[in-house]
Amino acid sequence: IVAMNTIDHALVTEYTSFEMKGLERDQRDI
């Protein structure tokens, strides 16, 4: 069993080493 969180990845247009472009707020579901 793993407990984790995640953003809504559908909102991200590009992942870089420093940001998630397109994501206005880093909110995550459990």
All heavy atoms as atom14 arrays in JSON, in Angstrom:
{
  "sequence": "IVAMNTIDHALVTEYTSFEMKGLERDQRDI",
  "atom14_mask": [
    [1, 1, 1, 1, 1, 1, 1, 1, 0, 0, 0, 0, 0, 0],
    [1, 1, 1, 1, 1, 1, 1, 0, 0, 0, 0, 0, 0, 0],
    [1, 1, 1, 1, 1, 0, 0, 0, 0, 0, 0, 0, 0, 0],
    [1, 1, 1, 1, 1, 1, 1, 1, 0, 0, 0, 0, 0, 0],
    [1, 1, 1, 1, 1, 1, 1, 1, 0, 0, 0, 0, 0, 0],
    [1, 1, 1, 1, 1, 1, 1, 0, 0, 0, 0, 0, 0, 0],
    [1, 1, 1, 1, 1, 1, 1, 1, 0, 0, 0, 0, 0, 0],
    [1, 1, 1, 1, 1, 1, 1, 1, 0, 0, 0, 0, 0, 0],
    [1, 1, 1, 1, 1, 1, 1, 1, 1, 1, 0, 0, 0, 0],
    [1, 1, 1, 1, 1, 0, 0, 0, 0, 0, 0, 0, 0, 0],
    [1, 1, 1, 1, 1, 1, 1, 1, 0, 0, 0, 0, 0, 0],
    [1, 1, 1, 1, 1, 1, 1, 0, 0, 0, 0, 0, 0, 0],
    [1, 1, 1, 1, 1, 1, 1, 0, 0, 0, 0, 0, 0, 0],
    [1, 1, 1, 1, 1, 1, 1, 1, 1, 0, 0, 0, 0, 0],
    [1, 1, 1, 1, 1, 1, 1, 1, 1, 1, 1, 1, 0, 0],
    [1, 1, 1, 1, 1, 1, 1, 0, 0, 0, 0, 0, 0, 0],
    [1, 1, 1, 1, 1, 1, 0, 0, 0, 0, 0, 0, 0, 0],
    [1, 1, 1, 1, 1, 1, 1, 1, 1, 1, 1, 0, 0, 0],
    [1, 1, 1, 1, 1, 1, 1, 1, 1, 0, 0, 0, 0, 0],
    [1, 1, 1, 1, 1, 1, 1, 1, 0, 0, 0, 0, 0, 0],
    [1, 1, 1, 1, 1, 1, 1, 1, 1, 0, 0, 0, 0, 0],
    [1, 1, 1, 1, 0, 0, 0, 0, 0, 0, 0, 0, 0, 0],
    [1, 1, 1, 1, 1, 1, 1, 1, 0, 0, 0, 0, 0, 0],
    [1, 1, 1, 1, 1, 1, 1, 1, 1, 0, 0, 0, 0, 0],
    [1, 1, 1, 1, 1, 1, 1, 1, 1, 1, 1, 0, 0, 0],
    [1, 1, 1, 1, 1, 1, 1, 1, 0, 0, 0, 0, 0, 0],
    [1, 1, 1, 1, 1, 1, 1, 1, 1, 0, 0, 0, 0, 0],
    [1, 1, 1, 1, 1, 1, 1, 1, 1, 1, 1, 0, 0, 0],
    [1, 1, 1, 1, 1, 1, 1, 1, 0, 0, 0, 0, 0, 0],
    [1, 1, 1, 1, 1, 1, 1, 1, 0, 0, 0, 0, 0, 0]
  ],
  "atom14_positions": [
    [[0.84, -1.2, 0.0], [0.0, 0.0, 0.0], [0.88, 1.25, 0.0], [1.83, 1.35, 0.77], [-0.92, 0.02, 1.24], [-1.78, -1.26, 1.28], [-1.8, 1.26, 1.25], [-2.53, -1.44, 2.59], [0.0, 0.0, 0.0], [0.0, 0.0, 0.0], [0.0, 0.0, 0.0], [0.0, 0.0, 0.0], [0.0, 0.0, 0.0], [0.0, 0.0, 0.0]],
    [[0.54, 2.2, -0.87], [1.27, 3.46, -0.97], [0.3, 4.62, -0.69], [-0.8, 4.66, -1.27], [1.89, 3.65, -2.37], [2.62, 4.98, -2.47], [2.82, 2.49, -2.71], [0.0, 0.0, 0.0], [0.0, 0.0, 0.0], [0.0, 0.0, 0.0], [0.0, 0.0, 0.0], [0.0, 0.0, 0.0], [0.0, 0.0, 0.0], [0.0, 0.0, 0.0]],
    [[0.68, 5.53, 0.19], [-0.07, 6.77, 0.43], [0.66, 7.9, -0.27], [1.87, 8.07, -0.09], [-0.2, 7.05, 1.92], [0.0, 0.0, 0.0], [0.0, 0.0, 0.0], [0.0, 0.0, 0.0], [0.0, 0.0, 0.0], [0.0, 0.0, 0.0], [0.0, 0.0, 0.0], [0.0, 0.0, 0.0], [0.0, 0.0, 0.0], [0.0, 0.0, 0.0]],
    [[-0.06, 8.7, -1.07], [0.58, 9.72, -1.87], [-0.4, 10.83, -2.2], [-1.57, 10.77, -1.82], [1.13, 9.11, -3.16], [0.06, 8.41, -3.99], [0.67, 7.71, -5.54], [0.96, 9.22, -6.47], [0.0, 0.0, 0.0], [0.0, 0.0, 0.0], [0.0, 0.0, 0.0], [0.0, 0.0, 0.0], [0.0, 0.0, 0.0], [0.0, 0.0, 0.0]],
    [[0.08, 11.84, -2.91], [-0.82, 12.87, -3.43], [-0.48, 13.14, -4.89], [0.58, 12.73, -5.38], [-0.79, 14.14, -2.59], [0.56, 14.84, -2.62], [1.37, 14.64, -3.52], [0.82, 15.69, -1.63], [0.0, 0.0, 0.0], [0.0, 0.0, 0.0], [0.0, 0.0, 0.0], [0.0, 0.0, 0.0], [0.0, 0.0, 0.0], [0.0, 0.0, 0.0]],
    [[-1.36, 13.84, -5.58], [-1.12, 14.16, -6.98], [-1.91, 15.38, -7.41], [-3.0, 15.66, -6.88], [-1.48, 12.99, -7.9], [-1.15, 13.32, -9.26], [-2.96, 12.66, -7.83], [0.0, 0.0, 0.0], [0.0, 0.0, 0.0], [0.0, 0.0, 0.0], [0.0, 0.0, 0.0], [0.0, 0.0, 0.0], [0.0, 0.0, 0.0], [0.0, 0.0, 0.0]],
    [[-1.34, 16.12, -8.37], [-2.05, 17.21, -9.01], [-3.0, 16.64, -10.06], [-3.02, 15.43, -10.33], [-1.07, 18.18, -9.69], [-0.28, 17.43, -10.78], [-0.14, 18.82, -8.68], [0.5, 18.31, -11.72], [0.0, 0.0, 0.0], [0.0, 0.0, 0.0], [0.0, 0.0, 0.0], [0.0, 0.0, 0.0], [0.0, 0.0, 0.0], [0.0, 0.0, 0.0]],
    [[-3.77, 17.51, -10.71], [-4.52, 17.15, -11.9], [-3.57, 17.33, -13.08], [-3.32, 18.45, -13.54], [-5.76, 18.05, -12.06], [-6.59, 17.67, -13.27], [-6.15, 16.83, -14.08], [-7.7, 18.25, -13.43], [0.0, 0.0, 0.0], [0.0, 0.0, 0.0], [0.0, 0.0, 0.0], [0.0, 0.0, 0.0], [0.0, 0.0, 0.0], [0.0, 0.0, 0.0]],
    [[-3.02, 16.23, -13.56], [-1.99, 16.3, -14.6], [-2.54, 16.82, -15.93], [-1.76, 17.28, -16.78], [-1.34, 14.94, -14.78], [-0.51, 14.51, -13.6], [0.8, 14.88, -13.43], [-0.84, 13.79, -12.5], [1.26, 14.38, -12.3], [0.29, 13.71, -11.71], [0.0, 0.0, 0.0], [0.0, 0.0, 0.0], [0.0, 0.0, 0.0], [0.0, 0.0, 0.0]],
    [[-3.85, 16.76, -16.1], [-4.44, 17.27, -17.34], [-4.27, 18.78, -17.47], [-4.39, 19.33, -18.57], [-5.92, 16.89, -17.4], [0.0, 0.0, 0.0], [0.0, 0.0, 0.0], [0.0, 0.0, 0.0], [0.0, 0.0, 0.0], [0.0, 0.0, 0.0], [0.0, 0.0, 0.0], [0.0, 0.0, 0.0], [0.0, 0.0, 0.0], [0.0, 0.0, 0.0]],
    [[-3.99, 19.46, -16.36], [-3.84, 20.92, -16.39], [-2.43, 21.35, -16.8], [-2.21, 22.52, -17.09], [-4.16, 21.5, -15.0], [-5.57, 21.24, -14.46], [-5.69, 21.79, -13.05], [-6.62, 21.87, -15.38], [0.0, 0.0, 0.0], [0.0, 0.0, 0.0], [0.0, 0.0, 0.0], [0.0, 0.0, 0.0], [0.0, 0.0, 0.0], [0.0, 0.0, 0.0]],
    [[-1.48, 20.43, -16.81], [-0.09, 20.78, -17.07], [0.21, 20.68, -18.57], [-0.07, 19.66, -19.2], [0.87, 19.87, -16.28], [2.32, 20.25, -16.54], [0.57, 19.95, -14.78], [0.0, 0.0, 0.0], [0.0, 0.0, 0.0], [0.0, 0.0, 0.0], [0.0, 0.0, 0.0], [0.0, 0.0, 0.0], [0.0, 0.0, 0.0], [0.0, 0.0, 0.0]],
    [[0.8, 21.74, -19.1], [1.18, 21.72, -20.51], [2.62, 21.29, -20.71], [2.99, 20.78, -21.77], [0.99, 23.12, -21.13], [1.77, 24.08, -20.4], [-0.49, 23.52, -21.07], [0.0, 0.0, 0.0], [0.0, 0.0, 0.0], [0.0, 0.0, 0.0], [0.0, 0.0, 0.0], [0.0, 0.0, 0.0], [0.0, 0.0, 0.0], [0.0, 0.0, 0.0]],
    [[3.46, 21.51, -19.68], [4.87, 21.08, -19.77], [5.46, 20.96, -18.37], [5.25, 21.82, -17.52], [5.69, 22.09, -20.59], [7.14, 21.67, -20.76], [7.98, 22.7, -21.49], [7.42, 23.76, -21.85], [9.19, 22.47, -21.68], [0.0, 0.0, 0.0], [0.0, 0.0, 0.0], [0.0, 0.0, 0.0], [0.0, 0.0, 0.0], [0.0, 0.0, 0.0]],
    [[6.22, 19.88, -18.16], [6.95, 19.67, -16.92], [8.42, 20.03, -17.17], [9.03, 19.56, -18.14], [6.87, 18.22, -16.46], [5.47, 17.71, -16.2], [4.67, 17.26, -17.26], [4.96, 17.63, -14.91], [3.39, 16.78, -17.03], [3.68, 17.15, -14.68], [2.91, 16.72, -15.75], [1.64, 16.24, -15.53], [0.0, 0.0, 0.0], [0.0, 0.0, 0.0]],
    [[8.99, 20.83, -16.28], [10.41, 21.16, -16.38], [11.07, 20.8, -15.04], [10.45, 20.22, -14.16], [10.62, 22.65, -16.69], [10.34, 23.43, -15.51], [9.72, 23.11, -17.83], [0.0, 0.0, 0.0], [0.0, 0.0, 0.0], [0.0, 0.0, 0.0], [0.0, 0.0, 0.0], [0.0, 0.0, 0.0], [0.0, 0.0, 0.0], [0.0, 0.0, 0.0]],
    [[12.31, 21.2, -14.91], [13.02, 20.94, -13.64], [12.58, 21.87, -12.53], [12.87, 21.61, -11.36], [14.52, 21.05, -13.85], [14.99, 20.02, -14.69], [0.0, 0.0, 0.0], [0.0, 0.0, 0.0], [0.0, 0.0, 0.0], [0.0, 0.0, 0.0], [0.0, 0.0, 0.0], [0.0, 0.0, 0.0], [0.0, 0.0, 0.0], [0.0, 0.0, 0.0]],
    [[11.85, 22.97, -12.87], [11.52, 23.97, -11.86], [10.05, 24.34, -11.8], [9.62, 25.0, -10.86], [12.35, 25.24, -12.09], [13.83, 25.01, -12.07], [14.54, 24.89, -13.25], [14.5, 24.9, -10.86], [15.92, 24.67, -13.23], [15.88, 24.68, -10.83], [16.58, 24.56, -12.01], [0.0, 0.0, 0.0], [0.0, 0.0, 0.0], [0.0, 0.0, 0.0]],
    [[9.26, 23.96, -12.79], [7.85, 24.36, -12.78], [7.0, 23.38, -13.56], [7.51, 22.55, -14.34], [7.69, 25.77, -13.37], [8.09, 25.87, -14.83], [7.88, 27.26, -15.39], [6.91, 27.93, -14.97], [8.68, 27.67, -16.26], [0.0, 0.0, 0.0], [0.0, 0.0, 0.0], [0.0, 0.0, 0.0], [0.0, 0.0, 0.0], [0.0, 0.0, 0.0]],
    [[5.69, 23.48, -13.32], [4.7, 22.74, -14.09], [3.86, 23.78, -14.82], [2.96, 24.37, -14.22], [3.86, 21.85, -13.16], [4.67, 20.72, -12.54], [3.76, 19.72, -11.34], [3.75, 20.83, -9.94], [0.0, 0.0, 0.0], [0.0, 0.0, 0.0], [0.0, 0.0, 0.0], [0.0, 0.0, 0.0], [0.0, 0.0, 0.0], [0.0, 0.0, 0.0]],
    [[4.19, 24.02, -16.05], [3.55, 25.09, -16.82], [2.07, 24.78, -17.04], [1.7, 23.64, -17.34], [4.26, 25.27, -18.15], [5.7, 25.75, -18.02], [6.35, 25.96, -19.37], [7.79, 26.47, -19.22], [8.45, 26.7, -20.53], [0.0, 0.0, 0.0], [0.0, 0.0, 0.0], [0.0, 0.0, 0.0], [0.0, 0.0, 0.0], [0.0, 0.0, 0.0]],
    [[1.26, 25.81, -16.87], [-0.18, 25.66, -17.02], [-0.91, 25.41, -15.72], [-2.13, 25.54, -15.65], [0.0, 0.0, 0.0], [0.0, 0.0, 0.0], [0.0, 0.0, 0.0], [0.0, 0.0, 0.0], [0.0, 0.0, 0.0], [0.0, 0.0, 0.0], [0.0, 0.0, 0.0], [0.0, 0.0, 0.0], [0.0, 0.0, 0.0], [0.0, 0.0, 0.0]],
    [[-0.17, 25.05, -14.67], [-0.78, 24.78, -13.37], [-0.74, 26.07, -12.54], [0.32, 26.53, -12.14], [-0.02, 23.67, -12.65], [-0.68, 23.09, -11.4], [-1.92, 22.3, -11.77], [0.3, 22.22, -10.63], [0.0, 0.0, 0.0], [0.0, 0.0, 0.0], [0.0, 0.0, 0.0], [0.0, 0.0, 0.0], [0.0, 0.0, 0.0], [0.0, 0.0, 0.0]],
    [[-1.91, 26.64, -12.31], [-1.96, 27.91, -11.58], [-1.7, 27.73, -10.1], [-1.12, 28.6, -9.45], [-3.32, 28.57, -11.8], [-3.57, 29.01, -13.24], [-4.88, 29.73, -13.4], [-5.58, 29.93, -12.37], [-5.24, 30.1, -14.53], [0.0, 0.0, 0.0], [0.0, 0.0, 0.0], [0.0, 0.0, 0.0], [0.0, 0.0, 0.0], [0.0, 0.0, 0.0]],
    [[-2.14, 26.63, -9.54], [-2.0, 26.41, -8.1], [-1.69, 24.94, -7.86], [-2.35, 24.06, -8.4], [-3.31, 26.78, -7.38], [-3.29, 26.59, -5.88], [-2.42, 27.63, -5.19], [-2.55, 27.55, -3.75], [-1.91, 28.34, -2.9], [-1.12, 29.28, -3.35], [-2.07, 28.22, -1.59], [0.0, 0.0, 0.0], [0.0, 0.0, 0.0], [0.0, 0.0, 0.0]],
    [[-0.66, 24.68, -7.06], [-0.26, 23.3, -6.77], [-1.17, 22.73, -5.67], [-0.81, 22.67, -4.5], [1.2, 23.24, -6.35], [1.76, 21.82, -6.33], [0.95, 20.88, -6.43], [2.98, 21.66, -6.21], [0.0, 0.0, 0.0], [0.0, 0.0, 0.0], [0.0, 0.0, 0.0], [0.0, 0.0, 0.0], [0.0, 0.0, 0.0], [0.0, 0.0, 0.0]],
    [[-2.35, 22.3, -6.08], [-3.28, 21.62, -5.18], [-3.3, 20.13, -5.53], [-3.26, 19.77, -6.71], [-4.7, 22.18, -5.32], [-4.88, 23.56, -4.72], [-6.3, 24.05, -4.89], [-6.73, 24.38, -5.98], [-7.03, 24.11, -3.79], [0.0, 0.0, 0.0], [0.0, 0.0, 0.0], [0.0, 0.0, 0.0], [0.0, 0.0, 0.0], [0.0, 0.0, 0.0]],
    [[-3.37, 19.29, -4.51], [-3.24, 17.86, -4.75], [-4.28, 17.06, -3.99], [-4.58, 17.34, -2.82], [-1.84, 17.38, -4.36], [-0.72, 18.14, -5.07], [0.63, 17.53, -4.84], [1.68, 18.33, -5.46], [2.95, 17.95, -5.56], [3.33, 16.77, -5.06], [3.84, 18.72, -6.13], [0.0, 0.0, 0.0], [0.0, 0.0, 0.0], [0.0, 0.0, 0.0]],
    [[-4.82, 16.06, -4.66], [-5.72, 15.1, -4.01], [-4.9, 14.05, -3.28], [-3.74, 13.78, -3.61], [-6.61, 14.42, -5.06], [-7.63, 15.36, -5.67], [-7.9, 16.41, -5.08], [-8.16, 15.02, -6.76], [0.0, 0.0, 0.0], [0.0, 0.0, 0.0], [0.0, 0.0, 0.0], [0.0, 0.0, 0.0], [0.0, 0.0, 0.0], [0.0, 0.0, 0.0]],
    [[-5.51, 13.44, -2.26], [-4.88, 12.36, -1.5], [-5.29, 11.02, -2.13], [-6.48, 10.74, -2.31], [-5.3, 12.39, -0.03], [-5.06, 13.78, 0.58], [-4.58, 11.31, 0.77], [-3.63, 14.17, 0.74], [0.0, 0.0, 0.0], [0.0, 0.0, 0.0], [0.0, 0.0, 0.0], [0.0, 0.0, 0.0], [0.0, 0.0, 0.0], [0.0, 0.0, 0.0]]
  ]
}
